[in-house]
Protein backbone atom coordinates (compact mmCIF):
# COMPACT_ATOMS: atom_id res chain seq x y z
CA MET A 1 114.83 87.63 68.30
CA LEU A 2 114.18 85.93 71.48
CA ILE A 3 111.27 86.74 73.73
CA VAL A 4 110.86 85.34 77.15
CA GLY A 5 107.10 85.15 78.08
CA ALA A 6 103.99 84.49 76.25
CA GLY A 7 101.75 86.76 77.94
CA ILE A 8 100.36 89.94 76.17
CA ILE A 9 103.37 91.79 76.56
CA GLY A 10 105.80 89.18 75.25
CA LEU A 11 103.07 88.47 72.56
CA SER A 12 102.86 92.14 71.38
CA HIS A 13 106.50 92.47 70.94
CA ALA A 14 106.40 89.34 68.80
CA PHE A 15 103.63 90.80 66.92
CA HIS A 16 105.60 94.12 66.06
CA ALA A 17 108.45 91.84 65.07
CA VAL A 18 106.84 89.89 63.06
CA ARG A 19 105.64 92.78 61.02
CA ARG A 20 109.45 93.93 60.87
CA GLY A 21 110.35 90.96 59.09
CA LEU A 22 112.35 89.82 61.89
CA LYS A 23 112.99 85.89 62.89
CA VAL A 24 111.38 85.50 66.34
CA THR A 25 111.32 82.87 68.98
CA VAL A 26 108.93 82.94 71.97
CA ILE A 27 109.75 80.86 75.20
CA ASP A 28 107.55 80.29 78.38
CA ARG A 29 107.90 78.43 81.46
CA ASP A 30 104.24 77.04 81.06
CA ARG A 31 102.49 75.21 78.61
CA ARG A 32 100.28 77.92 77.70
CA ALA A 33 99.80 81.39 79.29
CA VAL A 34 98.26 81.53 82.53
CA GLY A 35 99.15 84.49 84.35
CA ALA A 36 97.83 88.10 84.35
CA SER A 37 96.85 88.01 80.75
CA VAL A 38 94.31 85.62 81.22
CA ARG A 39 93.09 86.63 84.69
CA ASN A 40 91.84 90.02 83.96
CA PHE A 41 88.83 91.78 82.75
CA GLY A 42 89.77 91.77 79.03
CA HIS A 43 89.33 95.41 79.26
CA CYS A 44 91.74 97.87 77.42
CA CYS A 45 91.03 101.02 79.59
CA ILE A 46 92.31 103.56 77.01
CA THR A 47 90.20 106.91 77.26
CA ALA A 48 90.68 106.65 81.09
CA GLN A 49 94.60 107.25 80.80
CA SER A 50 96.58 110.25 80.87
CA GLY A 51 99.77 111.57 79.57
CA GLU A 52 102.04 109.11 78.26
CA LEU A 53 100.04 105.90 79.20
CA LEU A 54 97.04 107.59 76.92
CA GLU A 55 99.26 108.07 74.11
CA LEU A 56 100.67 104.56 74.45
CA ALA A 57 97.54 103.28 74.72
CA GLN A 58 95.98 105.19 71.62
CA ALA A 59 99.00 104.12 69.55
CA GLY A 60 98.52 100.45 70.39
CA ARG A 61 94.68 100.55 69.78
CA PRO A 62 94.87 100.21 65.77
CA PHE A 63 97.06 97.06 66.44
CA TRP A 64 94.77 95.31 68.80
CA LEU A 65 92.10 95.68 65.68
CA GLU A 66 94.59 94.53 63.51
CA ALA A 67 95.48 91.57 65.65
CA SER A 68 92.05 90.87 66.11
CA SER A 69 91.31 90.76 62.20
CA GLN A 70 94.39 88.64 61.62
CA ALA A 71 94.16 86.05 64.63
CA GLY A 72 90.63 85.80 64.71
CA PHE A 73 89.76 86.81 68.43
CA PHE A 74 86.87 88.71 69.66
CA ALA A 75 87.32 92.54 70.15
CA SER A 76 84.61 94.88 70.98
CA THR A 77 84.91 98.56 69.93
CA ALA A 78 81.68 99.39 72.16
CA GLY A 79 83.89 101.57 74.67
CA ALA A 80 83.35 101.66 78.26
CA LEU A 81 80.44 102.73 80.25
CA ALA A 82 81.23 104.94 83.42
CA VAL A 83 78.26 104.53 85.75
CA ALA A 84 77.72 107.77 88.13
CA ARG A 85 75.59 107.17 91.40
CA SER A 86 76.15 110.53 92.92
CA GLU A 87 76.85 114.18 92.09
CA ARG A 88 80.53 113.76 92.78
CA GLU A 89 81.11 111.13 90.42
CA LEU A 90 79.04 112.75 87.60
CA ALA A 91 81.26 115.84 88.29
CA VAL A 92 84.35 113.72 87.56
CA LEU A 93 82.88 112.31 84.49
CA SER A 94 81.96 115.95 83.17
CA GLU A 95 85.39 117.64 84.06
CA LEU A 96 87.19 114.76 82.20
CA SER A 97 84.43 114.99 79.17
CA ALA A 98 85.05 118.85 78.95
CA ALA A 99 89.06 118.47 78.76
CA ARG A 100 88.76 115.72 75.94
CA PRO A 101 88.26 115.87 72.36
CA LEU A 102 84.43 116.14 71.46
CA GLY A 103 83.24 112.82 71.49
CA GLN A 104 85.81 110.91 73.03
CA LEU A 105 83.69 110.88 76.64
CA GLU A 106 80.21 111.40 75.97
CA LEU A 107 77.87 112.06 79.06
CA LEU A 108 74.77 109.89 79.41
CA SER A 109 71.33 110.34 81.11
CA ARG A 110 70.19 107.73 83.75
CA GLU A 111 67.85 106.66 81.08
CA GLN A 112 70.75 106.12 78.61
CA VAL A 113 72.63 104.21 80.93
CA ALA A 114 70.17 101.92 81.63
CA THR A 115 69.66 101.23 78.11
CA GLN A 116 73.52 100.23 77.89
CA LEU A 117 72.78 97.90 80.92
CA SER A 118 69.93 96.27 79.13
CA GLY A 119 67.48 97.64 81.62
CA TYR A 120 69.52 96.48 84.68
CA ALA A 121 70.30 99.76 86.44
CA GLY A 122 70.45 100.39 90.26
CA ALA A 123 68.06 102.95 91.54
CA ASP A 124 70.71 105.28 92.57
CA ILE A 125 71.98 105.57 88.93
CA ILE A 126 71.93 109.24 88.01
CA GLY A 127 73.92 109.36 84.81
CA GLY A 128 77.31 108.25 83.35
CA ALA A 129 79.66 108.29 80.38
CA LEU A 130 80.61 106.49 77.56
CA LEU A 131 84.20 106.06 76.85
CA ARG A 132 84.39 106.06 73.32
CA ASP A 133 88.26 104.49 72.50
CA ASP A 134 88.01 101.46 75.08
CA LEU A 135 88.41 97.74 73.84
CA ARG A 136 86.87 94.81 75.06
CA VAL A 137 88.56 91.27 74.33
CA ASP A 138 88.08 87.76 75.83
CA PRO A 139 91.03 87.37 78.42
CA ARG A 140 90.47 83.29 78.16
CA GLN A 141 90.97 83.39 74.41
CA VAL A 142 93.09 86.40 72.96
CA VAL A 143 96.62 85.29 74.19
CA ALA A 144 96.19 81.71 72.69
CA ALA A 145 94.52 82.81 69.59
CA LEU A 146 97.41 85.23 69.05
CA ALA A 147 99.94 82.66 69.83
CA ASP A 148 98.58 80.34 67.41
CA TRP A 149 98.46 83.18 64.68
CA LEU A 150 101.97 84.26 65.42
CA ALA A 151 103.02 80.62 65.07
CA GLU A 152 101.36 80.55 61.67
CA GLN A 153 103.60 83.47 60.59
CA GLY A 154 106.69 81.45 61.55
CA VAL A 155 107.22 82.31 65.07
CA ARG A 156 108.90 79.48 66.77
CA PHE A 157 107.20 78.44 70.70
CA GLU A 158 108.94 76.69 72.91
CA TRP A 159 106.51 75.90 75.96
CA GLN A 160 107.67 74.62 79.36
CA THR A 161 110.92 76.18 78.85
CA SER A 162 112.27 78.46 81.91
CA PHE A 163 114.40 81.29 81.05
CA HIS A 164 117.99 81.43 83.41
CA PHE A 165 119.89 84.20 82.41
CA ALA A 166 121.30 85.46 78.92
CA GLN A 167 125.14 86.09 78.28
CA ASP A 168 127.06 87.20 75.19
CA GLY A 169 123.85 86.71 72.96
CA LEU A 170 123.19 83.54 74.47
CA ALA A 171 120.07 82.82 76.44
CA HIS A 172 120.43 80.09 78.72
CA THR A 173 117.15 78.04 79.23
CA SER A 174 115.91 74.51 81.36
CA ARG A 175 115.99 73.17 77.62
CA GLY A 176 119.79 74.57 76.34
CA SER A 177 120.84 77.80 75.15
CA PHE A 178 119.31 79.84 72.26
CA VAL A 179 121.10 82.40 70.06
CA ALA A 180 119.67 85.94 69.72
CA ALA A 181 120.94 89.19 68.75
CA GLN A 182 118.29 90.77 70.96
CA ILE A 183 116.46 89.32 74.06
CA ILE A 184 113.37 90.74 75.53
CA VAL A 185 112.33 89.67 78.67
CA CYS A 186 108.93 89.90 79.43
CA VAL A 187 108.10 88.03 82.81
CA GLY A 188 105.34 90.34 84.42
CA HIS A 189 105.66 90.12 88.11
CA ASP A 190 108.45 87.79 88.45
CA VAL A 191 111.22 90.49 87.60
CA ASP A 192 112.55 89.74 91.18
CA ARG A 193 113.18 86.00 90.06
CA LEU A 194 115.59 87.10 87.62
CA TYR A 195 116.72 90.54 88.43
CA PRO A 196 116.37 91.12 92.08
CA GLU A 197 118.45 93.98 92.37
CA ILE A 198 116.21 96.02 89.79
CA ALA A 199 113.08 94.74 91.29
CA ALA A 200 114.31 96.42 94.55
CA THR A 201 115.73 99.53 92.91
CA GLU A 202 112.15 100.00 91.19
CA GLN A 203 110.17 98.81 94.26
CA ILE A 204 108.21 96.26 92.25
CA ASN A 205 105.81 94.42 94.13
CA ARG A 206 103.23 92.02 93.37
CA CYS A 207 99.86 92.90 93.58
CA GLY A 208 97.26 90.37 94.13
CA LEU A 209 93.21 90.48 92.94
CA GLN A 210 90.25 88.69 93.97
CA MET A 211 88.04 88.39 90.79
CA ALA A 212 85.09 86.05 89.73
CA ARG A 213 82.93 85.06 87.12
CA VAL A 214 79.17 85.20 87.39
CA ALA A 215 76.21 84.40 85.58
CA ALA A 216 74.89 87.26 83.99
CA PRO A 217 71.20 88.46 85.19
CA ARG A 218 68.65 87.21 82.46
CA ASP A 219 68.92 88.95 78.84
CA LEU A 220 71.94 91.21 80.05
CA ARG A 221 73.67 91.97 76.91
CA LEU A 222 76.66 94.16 77.46
CA GLY A 223 78.51 96.01 74.97
CA PRO A 224 81.00 98.36 76.67
CA ALA A 225 82.97 97.57 80.04
CA VAL A 226 81.21 99.04 82.94
CA LEU A 227 83.05 101.08 85.53
CA SER A 228 81.99 102.44 88.73
CA GLY A 229 82.74 105.36 91.07
CA THR A 230 85.62 103.12 92.62
CA SER A 231 87.24 103.14 89.13
CA MET A 232 87.40 107.06 88.89
CA LEU A 233 89.80 106.75 91.81
CA ARG A 234 91.84 104.22 90.42
CA TYR A 235 92.32 105.45 86.42
CA PRO A 236 94.48 108.23 86.03
CA GLY A 237 92.27 110.13 83.89
CA PHE A 238 89.66 110.49 86.12
CA ALA A 239 91.86 110.53 89.48
CA GLU A 240 93.74 113.49 88.18
CA THR A 241 90.41 115.71 88.00
CA THR A 242 89.84 118.58 90.42
CA ALA A 243 86.76 116.72 91.28
CA ALA A 244 88.30 113.53 92.35
CA ALA A 245 89.22 114.64 95.83
CA GLY A 246 85.75 115.28 96.52
CA LEU A 247 84.74 111.93 95.25
CA ARG A 248 87.44 110.08 97.46
CA ALA A 249 86.02 111.75 100.44
CA GLU A 250 82.48 110.52 99.68
CA ILE A 251 83.39 107.08 99.12
CA ALA A 252 85.48 107.13 102.17
CA ALA A 253 82.51 108.61 104.22
CA HIS A 254 79.78 105.94 102.58
CA ASP A 255 81.80 102.78 101.60
CA ALA A 256 84.89 102.65 103.63
CA GLU A 257 84.80 99.10 103.13
CA ALA A 258 85.53 99.21 99.58
CA LEU A 259 88.33 101.66 99.80
CA ALA A 260 90.11 99.47 102.58
CA VAL A 261 90.38 96.38 100.08
CA ASP A 262 91.33 99.04 97.34
CA ALA A 263 88.54 98.22 95.40
CA ASN A 264 87.55 98.77 91.67
CA ILE A 265 84.18 97.75 91.08
CA MET A 266 83.70 96.89 87.34
CA PHE A 267 82.78 94.16 85.24
CA THR A 268 82.70 92.95 81.71
CA GLN A 269 80.87 90.47 79.67
CA ARG A 270 82.65 87.52 78.07
CA PRO A 271 81.10 86.16 74.62
CA ASP A 272 79.73 83.37 76.48
CA GLY A 273 77.42 85.54 78.35
CA SER A 274 78.94 85.27 81.74
CA LEU A 275 80.28 88.31 83.52
CA ILE A 276 83.84 89.01 84.89
CA VAL A 277 83.59 90.88 88.00
CA GLY A 278 85.91 92.35 90.58
CA ASP A 279 88.44 93.34 91.93
CA SER A 280 90.42 94.22 95.00
CA HIS A 281 94.19 94.88 95.16
CA ARG A 282 96.56 93.94 97.89
CA LEU A 283 100.32 94.43 97.81
CA ALA A 284 103.09 91.59 98.62
CA GLU A 285 106.67 90.46 97.83
CA THR A 286 105.52 87.06 97.97
CA MET A 287 101.40 86.93 97.85
CA ASP A 288 99.23 84.78 100.19
CA PRO A 289 97.03 82.59 98.28
CA PHE A 290 94.25 82.51 100.47
CA LEU A 291 91.34 84.51 99.14
CA ALA A 292 88.99 86.07 101.85
CA GLU A 293 85.31 85.56 101.22
CA SER A 294 84.56 88.86 102.85
CA VAL A 295 86.15 90.66 100.05
CA SER A 296 84.47 88.30 97.36
CA GLU A 297 81.23 89.09 99.05
CA LEU A 298 81.67 92.86 98.93
CA LEU A 299 82.74 92.64 95.23
CA LEU A 300 79.62 90.90 94.40
CA ASP A 301 77.45 92.82 96.28
CA ARG A 302 78.54 96.13 94.81
CA VAL A 303 78.31 94.55 91.11
CA ALA A 304 74.81 93.36 92.08
CA ALA A 305 73.80 96.67 93.42
CA LEU A 306 74.86 98.65 90.48
CA LEU A 307 72.72 96.10 88.33
CA GLY A 308 69.77 96.59 90.80
CA VAL A 309 69.56 92.60 91.39
CA ALA A 310 69.25 90.92 94.69
CA GLN A 311 72.52 88.57 94.13
CA LEU A 312 74.67 87.26 91.48
CA THR A 313 75.44 83.36 90.98
CA VAL A 314 79.16 82.56 91.04
CA LEU A 315 80.39 80.19 88.47
CA GLU A 316 84.36 80.47 89.37
CA ARG A 317 86.86 82.51 91.59
CA TRP A 318 90.69 83.16 91.11
CA GLN A 319 93.51 85.18 92.14
CA GLY A 320 94.99 87.57 89.64
CA ILE A 321 98.50 88.67 90.00
CA TYR A 322 100.56 91.72 88.19
CA ALA A 323 103.53 93.73 88.90
CA SER A 324 103.06 97.04 90.71
CA SER A 325 105.56 100.03 91.49
CA PRO A 326 104.84 103.36 92.95
CA LEU A 327 107.64 104.57 90.99
CA GLN A 328 106.58 104.33 87.31
CA PRO A 329 103.68 102.56 85.43
CA TYR A 330 106.02 100.53 83.39
CA LEU A 331 109.74 99.28 83.29
CA VAL A 332 112.07 99.19 80.33
CA SER A 333 115.60 98.33 81.12
CA THR A 334 118.86 97.21 79.24
CA VAL A 335 119.88 94.69 81.79
CA ALA A 336 122.87 93.73 79.67
CA PRO A 337 124.12 94.15 76.01
CA GLY A 338 121.18 92.73 73.83
CA VAL A 339 118.79 92.18 76.84
CA THR A 340 116.05 94.41 77.20
CA LEU A 341 113.48 93.90 80.41
CA VAL A 342 110.06 94.84 79.94
CA SER A 343 107.23 95.06 82.91
CA VAL A 344 103.96 96.65 83.24
CA THR A 345 104.01 97.79 86.50
CA SER A 346 100.57 99.48 86.94
CA GLY A 347 97.76 97.14 85.91
CA VAL A 348 97.31 98.39 82.57
CA GLY A 349 99.35 95.68 80.63
CA MET A 350 96.31 94.98 78.43
CA THR A 351 95.85 98.55 77.56
CA ILE A 352 99.49 99.85 76.68
CA SER A 353 100.85 96.50 75.39
CA PHE A 354 100.83 97.15 71.84
CA GLY A 355 101.93 100.55 71.87
CA LEU A 356 104.56 99.87 74.41
CA ALA A 357 105.99 97.02 72.31
CA GLN A 358 105.79 99.21 69.33
CA ARG A 359 108.01 101.91 70.96
CA VAL A 360 110.41 99.19 72.48
CA LEU A 361 111.28 97.89 69.35
CA ALA A 362 111.62 101.33 67.73
CA GLN A 363 114.19 102.31 70.04
CA LEU A 364 116.34 99.21 69.56
CA ASP A 365 116.54 100.21 66.05
CA LEU A 366 116.26 96.85 64.67
CA VAL A 367 115.89 97.58 60.75
């Protein structure tokens, strides 16, 4: 098997291929993964998915933990904390909690939320919920550690190798041709570079995010990822509740600026203690590289307010980019005999990666 792309989608396919005893080669155009897989929160947002995405996320969860144990990368099982700062936000959490198995989404008091936040809690917090099944990894570490472990298992990595096209069992690249019975192309938002007709038909765009790494307030120690009311408008488990419409109207009335940049106010803590904060969303076929400081300030202000601190010290800023389509949350397409294109088009690549890869390989009937 040849896998194009060493991000989390490509590596999760390599992981399952190794478990099946297959001979695997992974190629990537860069010297190491520098795309969406390293530019995100490191949050596997499992609990807040719904339908098929929830099934894929839950199916992949044990493989995340297995990979963590085998490859030695950090993975926290502390879940996610959804913070409620209004009755409408609390109504969304209450509705989803009632619809899920007991304990999957546990409602919390203000005091319990404050405890989860090491005492850093904005005055307007009234409660929240703990999302039990979510995972958290360090995005700066995880794909590199997984690639190293896969190499130890015999996976061949060819870095700085660009994929051109595949034909008759041959993958043609910038470093010659590779023979493979199956080729899986996992190039994220660059589907249009290889298969422009498919990108056009599936309406695949690039989604650009503004994110930052900040110094944590003193003695802040987080177990879970932290979500806000804007997160409840984004993730389908929340957004599909009947209470979500009222919440959207409330946020539109009181924080139209956040909606205007399609903000998902949330943050996670890296093992070094710093916080990854974000994020905004904008769509384009070709993404403008310039970041608006007004958007960065909005995101930082909202996170600071949730924590009840005056300001946050920025250590790094960056732009994330992932594939986005209004038609479906992911794409699996047979583009030629023995060639499968896989792209997550909804920003949940970390969340469904291992579950999706397991399904793709099962459908290929490789053993």
